Amino acid sequence: FTRFRLQAHSGTREEVDFGLRTYGINMDDCPVKPDNTLDTTFHNKWLEAQKQYEENISSPAILVPRRFDVLFGRSKRCMQHPGTMRCQLLVEMNFEEYEGEGKVERNLIAEKVVRIIHESGGRFLKWEGDSTTGAWKEVDHDVARAKVTHFFRGFRERKQKRQKQVNMSAPKRGIDSGNKTDMNASTSLPAKVLDSSAFYKKMRAGGMDGSNAESVETESIET
């Protein structure tokens, strides 16, 4: 049983596009383009898909993914699809449990994620064919579980990469702070030491003989 709902969207072109994309509707396939020209390429693909559906109803072609569908592929459209992002969020929520288990238990956790996607009406879709005549096809359960496992591995690699970057930057901060401490220490010497250093510097710069140096030293001591 499928329930259909109708919702009106109003506003500027950008606002309507954004509202429809939150429902998983790709506005790039809209027949009316931003410059108000008409493009029937997607419509012709839809007619061809309907023809294939009527000829082979057991394996229908899918042109418009649902909101919770998980799309295979590395393109921006696939990675930013609401269903794909939701699946990655489920993977992140179950990652700690996944890492602490063995192989059998990990498969069960991946099965749980697949079951959540299916129970919410989502499917795991893979594009078959070229960009003109191709369409989305639903994969079987084993391929869907392998996709979820791939998401777990990808999240682990990203997490390890971030941790490595943190570890590499930590010693650098320590060295910088150490240098800063040394500089502060040199500028906070006692006044008596600084006065003595200034005295010897003045003596070398002026080329004083022994008697003058003695008189200057005597004046400094008396002061």
C-alpha atoms as a PDB file:
ATOM      1  CA  PHE A   1       0.000   0.000   0.000  1.00  0.00           C
ATOM      2  CA  THR A   2       1.416   3.375  -1.060  1.00  0.00           C
ATOM      3  CA  ARG A   3       0.156   6.714   0.217  1.00  0.00           C
ATOM      4  CA  PHE A   4       0.544   9.760  -1.999  1.00  0.00           C
ATOM      5  CA  ARG A   5       0.731  13.303  -0.678  1.00  0.00           C
ATOM      6  CA  LEU A   6       0.597  16.618  -2.482  1.00  0.00           C
ATOM      7  CA  GLN A   7       2.426  19.645  -1.126  1.00  0.00           C
ATOM      8  CA  ALA A   8       2.670  23.052  -2.812  1.00  0.00           C
ATOM      9  CA  HIS A   9       5.955  24.970  -2.860  1.00  0.00           C
ATOM     10  CA  SER A  10       6.129  28.717  -3.474  1.00  0.00           C
ATOM     11  CA  GLY A  11       8.840  31.357  -3.584  1.00  0.00           C
ATOM     12  CA  THR A  12      11.787  32.113  -5.831  1.00  0.00           C
ATOM     13  CA  ARG A  13      13.304  29.509  -8.119  1.00  0.00           C
ATOM     14  CA  GLU A  14      16.143  28.890  -5.660  1.00  0.00           C
ATOM     15  CA  GLU A  15      13.738  28.482  -2.714  1.00  0.00           C
ATOM     16  CA  VAL A  16      11.554  26.007  -4.614  1.00  0.00           C
ATOM     17  CA  ASP A  17      14.613  24.041  -5.784  1.00  0.00           C
ATOM     18  CA  PHE A  18      15.936  23.802  -2.221  1.00  0.00           C
ATOM     19  CA  GLY A  19      12.553  22.712  -0.850  1.00  0.00           C
ATOM     20  CA  LEU A  20      12.203  19.941  -3.429  1.00  0.00           C
ATOM     21  CA  ARG A  21      15.772  18.710  -2.931  1.00  0.00           C
ATOM     22  CA  THR A  22      15.032  18.102   0.760  1.00  0.00           C
ATOM     23  CA  TYR A  23      12.516  15.515  -0.455  1.00  0.00           C
ATOM     24  CA  GLY A  24      15.131  13.848  -2.652  1.00  0.00           C
ATOM     25  CA  ILE A  25      13.829  15.407  -5.900  1.00  0.00           C
ATOM     26  CA  ASN A  26      16.668  16.431  -8.214  1.00  0.00           C
ATOM     27  CA  MET A  27      15.718  19.673  -9.950  1.00  0.00           C
ATOM     28  CA  ASP A  28      18.336  19.110 -12.648  1.00  0.00           C
ATOM     29  CA  ASP A  29      15.777  16.777 -14.254  1.00  0.00           C
ATOM     30  CA  CYS A  30      13.006  19.361 -14.236  1.00  0.00           C
ATOM     31  CA  PRO A  31      11.774  19.997 -17.814  1.00  0.00           C
ATOM     32  CA  VAL A  32      11.598  23.768 -17.209  1.00  0.00           C
ATOM     33  CA  LYS A  33      15.123  25.110 -16.885  1.00  0.00           C
ATOM     34  CA  PRO A  34      16.146  28.259 -14.955  1.00  0.00           C
ATOM     35  CA  ASP A  35      16.233  30.244 -18.220  1.00  0.00           C
ATOM     36  CA  ASN A  36      12.590  29.157 -18.878  1.00  0.00           C
ATOM     37  CA  THR A  37      13.568  26.846 -21.746  1.00  0.00           C
ATOM     38  CA  LEU A  38      11.978  23.399 -22.112  1.00  0.00           C
ATOM     39  CA  ASP A  39      14.091  20.251 -22.031  1.00  0.00           C
ATOM     40  CA  THR A  40      12.295  16.916 -22.545  1.00  0.00           C
ATOM     41  CA  THR A  41      15.373  14.684 -22.203  1.00  0.00           C
ATOM     42  CA  PHE A  42      14.346  13.366 -18.801  1.00  0.00           C
ATOM     43  CA  HIS A  43      10.724  12.990 -19.923  1.00  0.00           C
ATOM     44  CA  ASN A  44      11.820  10.806 -22.837  1.00  0.00           C
ATOM     45  CA  LYS A  45      13.910   8.697 -20.457  1.00  0.00           C
ATOM     46  CA  TRP A  46      10.875   8.301 -18.224  1.00  0.00           C
ATOM     47  CA  LEU A  47       8.770   7.102 -21.158  1.00  0.00           C
ATOM     48  CA  GLU A  48      11.457   4.563 -22.068  1.00  0.00           C
ATOM     49  CA  ALA A  49      11.632   3.367 -18.466  1.00  0.00           C
ATOM     50  CA  GLN A  50       7.865   2.929 -18.368  1.00  0.00           C
ATOM     51  CA  LYS A  51       8.067   0.881 -21.547  1.00  0.00           C
ATOM     52  CA  GLN A  52      10.716  -1.372 -19.999  1.00  0.00           C
ATOM     53  CA  TYR A  53       8.624  -1.650 -16.846  1.00  0.00           C
ATOM     54  CA  GLU A  54       5.620  -2.856 -18.817  1.00  0.00           C
ATOM     55  CA  GLU A  55       7.741  -5.355 -20.748  1.00  0.00           C
ATOM     56  CA  ASN A  56       9.622  -6.667 -17.714  1.00  0.00           C
ATOM     57  CA  ILE A  57       7.665  -5.840 -14.583  1.00  0.00           C
ATOM     58  CA  SER A  58       9.857  -8.051 -12.352  1.00  0.00           C
ATOM     59  CA  SER A  59      12.834  -5.659 -12.672  1.00  0.00           C
ATOM     60  CA  PRO A  60      11.524  -2.109 -13.078  1.00  0.00           C
ATOM     61  CA  ALA A  61      13.796   0.820 -13.856  1.00  0.00           C
ATOM     62  CA  ILE A  62      13.899   3.698 -11.356  1.00  0.00           C
ATOM     63  CA  LEU A  63      14.449   7.253 -12.525  1.00  0.00           C
ATOM     64  CA  VAL A  64      13.576   9.268  -9.403  1.00  0.00           C
ATOM     65  CA  PRO A  65      15.033   7.909  -6.131  1.00  0.00           C
ATOM     66  CA  ARG A  66      12.981   8.222  -2.979  1.00  0.00           C
ATOM     67  CA  ARG A  67      13.928  10.404  -0.042  1.00  0.00           C
ATOM     68  CA  PHE A  68      15.472   7.577   2.037  1.00  0.00           C
ATOM     69  CA  ASP A  69      17.091   5.666  -0.850  1.00  0.00           C
ATOM     70  CA  VAL A  70      20.830   5.048  -0.577  1.00  0.00           C
ATOM     71  CA  LEU A  71      22.605   5.772  -3.863  1.00  0.00           C
ATOM     72  CA  PHE A  72      25.755   3.988  -5.011  1.00  0.00           C
ATOM     73  CA  GLY A  73      28.432   6.239  -6.508  1.00  0.00           C
ATOM     74  CA  ARG A  74      30.967   8.950  -5.647  1.00  0.00           C
ATOM     75  CA  SER A  75      29.301  11.845  -7.432  1.00  0.00           C
ATOM     76  CA  LYS A  76      28.046  14.890  -5.554  1.00  0.00           C
ATOM     77  CA  ARG A  77      24.463  13.942  -6.353  1.00  0.00           C
ATOM     78  CA  CYS A  78      24.900  10.486  -4.792  1.00  0.00           C
ATOM     79  CA  MET A  79      26.850  11.594  -1.709  1.00  0.00           C
ATOM     80  CA  GLN A  80      24.509  14.499  -0.874  1.00  0.00           C
ATOM     81  CA  HIS A  81      21.286  12.574  -1.420  1.00  0.00           C
ATOM     82  CA  PRO A  82      19.247  12.635   1.845  1.00  0.00           C
ATOM     83  CA  GLY A  83      19.047   8.832   2.022  1.00  0.00           C
ATOM     84  CA  THR A  84      22.813   8.401   1.573  1.00  0.00           C
ATOM     85  CA  MET A  85      23.575  11.007   4.232  1.00  0.00           C
ATOM     86  CA  ARG A  86      21.080   9.356   6.597  1.00  0.00           C
ATOM     87  CA  CYS A  87      22.775   5.973   6.110  1.00  0.00           C
ATOM     88  CA  GLN A  88      26.175   7.484   6.896  1.00  0.00           C
ATOM     89  CA  LEU A  89      24.716   9.033  10.045  1.00  0.00           C
ATOM     90  CA  LEU A  90      23.432   5.603  11.143  1.00  0.00           C
ATOM     91  CA  VAL A  91      26.916   4.213  10.521  1.00  0.00           C
ATOM     92  CA  GLU A  92      28.473   6.934  12.685  1.00  0.00           C
ATOM     93  CA  MET A  93      25.968   6.272  15.491  1.00  0.00           C
ATOM     94  CA  ASN A  94      26.822   2.547  15.532  1.00  0.00           C
ATOM     95  CA  PHE A  95      30.570   2.895  14.874  1.00  0.00           C
ATOM     96  CA  GLU A  96      31.823   2.428  18.447  1.00  0.00           C
ATOM     97  CA  GLU A  97      29.790  -0.752  18.845  1.00  0.00           C
ATOM     98  CA  TYR A  98      30.954  -1.954  15.419  1.00  0.00           C
ATOM     99  CA  GLU A  99      34.649  -1.462  16.236  1.00  0.00           C
ATOM    100  CA  GLY A 100      34.394  -3.357  19.518  1.00  0.00           C
ATOM    101  CA  GLU A 101      32.960  -6.542  17.994  1.00  0.00           C
ATOM    102  CA  GLY A 102      34.232  -9.468  15.942  1.00  0.00           C
ATOM    103  CA  LYS A 103      33.492 -10.281  12.309  1.00  0.00           C
ATOM    104  CA  VAL A 104      30.196 -12.071  12.934  1.00  0.00           C
ATOM    105  CA  GLU A 105      28.837  -9.343  15.209  1.00  0.00           C
ATOM    106  CA  ARG A 106      29.933  -6.657  12.738  1.00  0.00           C
ATOM    107  CA  ASN A 107      27.867  -8.317  10.021  1.00  0.00           C
ATOM    108  CA  LEU A 108      24.863  -8.266  12.361  1.00  0.00           C
ATOM    109  CA  ILE A 109      25.328  -4.531  12.982  1.00  0.00           C
ATOM    110  CA  ALA A 110      25.522  -3.921   9.225  1.00  0.00           C
ATOM    111  CA  GLU A 111      22.346  -6.003   8.833  1.00  0.00           C
ATOM    112  CA  LYS A 112      20.655  -3.791  11.404  1.00  0.00           C
ATOM    113  CA  VAL A 113      21.479  -0.641   9.430  1.00  0.00           C
ATOM    114  CA  VAL A 114      20.148  -2.233   6.219  1.00  0.00           C
ATOM    115  CA  ARG A 115      16.961  -3.236   8.020  1.00  0.00           C
ATOM    116  CA  ILE A 116      16.416   0.317   9.313  1.00  0.00           C
ATOM    117  CA  ILE A 117      16.771   1.671   5.761  1.00  0.00           C
ATOM    118  CA  HIS A 118      14.313  -0.872   4.358  1.00  0.00           C
ATOM    119  CA  GLU A 119      11.772  -0.391   7.139  1.00  0.00           C
ATOM    120  CA  SER A 120      11.677   3.359   6.446  1.00  0.00           C
ATOM    121  CA  GLY A 121      10.878   2.722   2.766  1.00  0.00           C
ATOM    122  CA  GLY A 122      14.438   3.208   1.540  1.00  0.00           C
ATOM    123  CA  ARG A 123      16.240   1.147  -1.064  1.00  0.00           C
ATOM    124  CA  PHE A 124      19.854   0.639  -2.113  1.00  0.00           C
ATOM    125  CA  LEU A 125      20.112   1.812  -5.727  1.00  0.00           C
ATOM    126  CA  LYS A 126      22.896   1.487  -8.286  1.00  0.00           C
ATOM    127  CA  TRP A 127      22.990   3.249 -11.650  1.00  0.00           C
ATOM    128  CA  GLU A 128      23.124   0.921 -14.653  1.00  0.00           C
ATOM    129  CA  GLY A 129      23.756   2.078 -18.204  1.00  0.00           C
ATOM    130  CA  ASP A 130      25.016   5.374 -19.597  1.00  0.00           C
ATOM    131  CA  SER A 131      23.830   8.838 -18.678  1.00  0.00           C
ATOM    132  CA  THR A 132      21.277   8.919 -21.497  1.00  0.00           C
ATOM    133  CA  THR A 133      19.549   5.553 -21.443  1.00  0.00           C
ATOM    134  CA  GLY A 134      20.535   4.291 -17.973  1.00  0.00           C
ATOM    135  CA  ALA A 135      18.416   4.081 -14.835  1.00  0.00           C
ATOM    136  CA  TRP A 136      18.616   3.169 -11.144  1.00  0.00           C
ATOM    137  CA  LYS A 137      18.255  -0.500 -10.192  1.00  0.00           C
ATOM    138  CA  GLU A 138      17.738  -1.889  -6.708  1.00  0.00           C
ATOM    139  CA  VAL A 139      20.546  -4.206  -5.537  1.00  0.00           C
ATOM    140  CA  ASP A 140      20.043  -7.387  -3.537  1.00  0.00           C
ATOM    141  CA  HIS A 141      20.420  -7.697   0.226  1.00  0.00           C
ATOM    142  CA  ASP A 142      24.039  -8.935   0.229  1.00  0.00           C
ATOM    143  CA  VAL A 143      25.216  -6.026  -1.918  1.00  0.00           C
ATOM    144  CA  ALA A 144      23.373  -3.579   0.348  1.00  0.00           C
ATOM    145  CA  ARG A 145      25.089  -5.029   3.431  1.00  0.00           C
ATOM    146  CA  ALA A 146      28.470  -4.790   1.683  1.00  0.00           C
ATOM    147  CA  LYS A 147      27.746  -1.119   0.975  1.00  0.00           C
ATOM    148  CA  VAL A 148      27.056  -0.439   4.658  1.00  0.00           C
ATOM    149  CA  THR A 149      30.291  -2.249   5.582  1.00  0.00           C
ATOM    150  CA  HIS A 150      32.095  -0.008   3.103  1.00  0.00           C
ATOM    151  CA  PHE A 151      30.634   3.038   4.877  1.00  0.00           C
ATOM    152  CA  PHE A 152      31.999   1.724   8.202  1.00  0.00           C
ATOM    153  CA  ARG A 153      35.497   1.330   6.698  1.00  0.00           C
ATOM    154  CA  GLY A 154      35.352   4.789   5.172  1.00  0.00           C
ATOM    155  CA  PHE A 155      34.351   6.380   8.476  1.00  0.00           C
ATOM    156  CA  ARG A 156      37.224   4.553  10.243  1.00  0.00           C
ATOM    157  CA  GLU A 157      39.759   5.840   7.702  1.00  0.00           C
ATOM    158  CA  ARG A 158      38.528   9.418   8.025  1.00  0.00           C
ATOM    159  CA  LYS A 159      38.653   9.202  11.818  1.00  0.00           C
ATOM    160  CA  GLN A 160      42.220   7.830  11.783  1.00  0.00           C
ATOM    161  CA  LYS A 161      43.291  10.554   9.364  1.00  0.00           C
ATOM    162  CA  ARG A 162      41.904  13.279  11.618  1.00  0.00           C
ATOM    163  CA  GLN A 163      43.633  11.752  14.651  1.00  0.00           C
ATOM    164  CA  LYS A 164      46.937  11.590  12.763  1.00  0.00           C
ATOM    165  CA  GLN A 165      46.669  15.269  11.872  1.00  0.00           C
ATOM    166  CA  VAL A 166      46.034  16.131  15.530  1.00  0.00           C
ATOM    167  CA  ASN A 167      49.069  14.107  16.667  1.00  0.00           C
ATOM    168  CA  MET A 168      51.316  15.767  14.075  1.00  0.00           C
ATOM    169  CA  SER A 169      50.276  19.265  15.093  1.00  0.00           C
ATOM    170  CA  ALA A 170      50.592  18.691  18.875  1.00  0.00           C
ATOM    171  CA  PRO A 171      54.483  18.625  19.097  1.00  0.00           C
ATOM    172  CA  LYS A 172      54.704  21.772  16.984  1.00  0.00           C
ATOM    173  CA  ARG A 173      52.563  23.656  19.443  1.00  0.00           C
ATOM    174  CA  GLY A 174      54.765  22.400  22.274  1.00  0.00           C
ATOM    175  CA  ILE A 175      57.961  23.676  20.595  1.00  0.00           C
ATOM    176  CA  ASP A 176      56.438  27.058  19.894  1.00  0.00           C
ATOM    177  CA  SER A 177      55.314  27.440  23.485  1.00  0.00           C
ATOM    178  CA  GLY A 178      58.790  26.389  24.693  1.00  0.00           C
ATOM    179  CA  ASN A 179      60.486  29.049  22.570  1.00  0.00           C
ATOM    180  CA  LYS A 180      58.043  31.608  23.831  1.00  0.00           C
ATOM    181  CA  THR A 181      58.878  30.657  27.412  1.00  0.00           C
ATOM    182  CA  ASP A 182      62.616  31.031  26.779  1.00  0.00           C
ATOM    183  CA  MET A 183      62.139  34.476  25.264  1.00  0.00           C
ATOM    184  CA  ASN A 184      60.079  35.578  28.236  1.00  0.00           C
ATOM    185  CA  ALA A 185      62.754  34.253  30.580  1.00  0.00           C
ATOM    186  CA  SER A 186      65.488  36.261  28.826  1.00  0.00           C
ATOM    187  CA  THR A 187      63.522  39.473  29.085  1.00  0.00           C
ATOM    188  CA  SER A 188      62.754  38.988  32.768  1.00  0.00           C
ATOM    189  CA  LEU A 189      66.389  38.955  34.037  1.00  0.00           C
ATOM    190  CA  PRO A 190      67.175  40.803  37.299  1.00  0.00           C
ATOM    191  CA  ALA A 191      67.967  44.512  36.952  1.00  0.00           C
ATOM    192  CA  LYS A 192      71.448  44.056  38.510  1.00  0.00           C
ATOM    193  CA  VAL A 193      72.489  41.590  35.795  1.00  0.00           C
ATOM    194  CA  LEU A 194      71.161  43.860  33.044  1.00  0.00           C
ATOM    195  CA  ASP A 195      73.085  46.835  34.498  1.00  0.00           C
ATOM    196  CA  SER A 196      76.292  44.807  34.594  1.00  0.00           C
ATOM    197  CA  SER A 197      75.829  43.705  31.004  1.00  0.00           C
ATOM    198  CA  ALA A 198      75.266  47.302  29.900  1.00  0.00           C
ATOM    199  CA  PHE A 199      78.454  48.375  31.693  1.00  0.00           C
ATOM    200  CA  TYR A 200      80.714  45.871  29.871  1.00  0.00           C
ATOM    201  CA  LYS A 201      79.067  46.705  26.548  1.00  0.00           C
ATOM    202  CA  LYS A 202      79.796  50.396  27.103  1.00  0.00           C
ATOM    203  CA  MET A 203      83.391  49.652  28.034  1.00  0.00           C
ATOM    204  CA  ARG A 204      84.045  47.669  24.828  1.00  0.00           C
ATOM    205  CA  ALA A 205      82.336  50.234  22.610  1.00  0.00           C
ATOM    206  CA  GLY A 206      84.317  53.191  24.028  1.00  0.00           C
ATOM    207  CA  GLY A 207      87.769  51.569  23.843  1.00  0.00           C
ATOM    208  CA  MET A 208      88.569  52.560  27.435  1.00  0.00           C
ATOM    209  CA  ASP A 209      92.044  52.004  28.918  1.00  0.00           C
ATOM    210  CA  GLY A 210      92.516  50.353  32.249  1.00  0.00           C
ATOM    211  CA  SER A 211      92.368  53.549  34.304  1.00  0.00           C
ATOM    212  CA  ASN A 212      89.184  54.819  32.767  1.00  0.00           C
ATOM    213  CA  ALA A 213      87.591  51.380  33.111  1.00  0.00           C
ATOM    214  CA  GLU A 214      88.542  51.361  36.784  1.00  0.00           C
ATOM    215  CA  SER A 215      87.021  54.787  37.341  1.00  0.00           C
ATOM    216  CA  VAL A 216      83.835  53.846  35.571  1.00  0.00           C
ATOM    217  CA  GLU A 217      83.649  50.633  37.534  1.00  0.00           C
ATOM    218  CA  THR A 218      84.210  52.559  40.759  1.00  0.00           C
ATOM    219  CA  GLU A 219      81.422  54.980  39.871  1.00  0.00           C
ATOM    220  CA  SER A 220      79.112  52.099  39.059  1.00  0.00           C
ATOM    221  CA  ILE A 221      79.864  50.378  42.370  1.00  0.00           C
ATOM    222  CA  GLU A 222      79.390  53.577  44.339  1.00  0.00           C
ATOM    223  CA  THR A 223      76.092  54.198  42.588  1.00  0.00           C
END
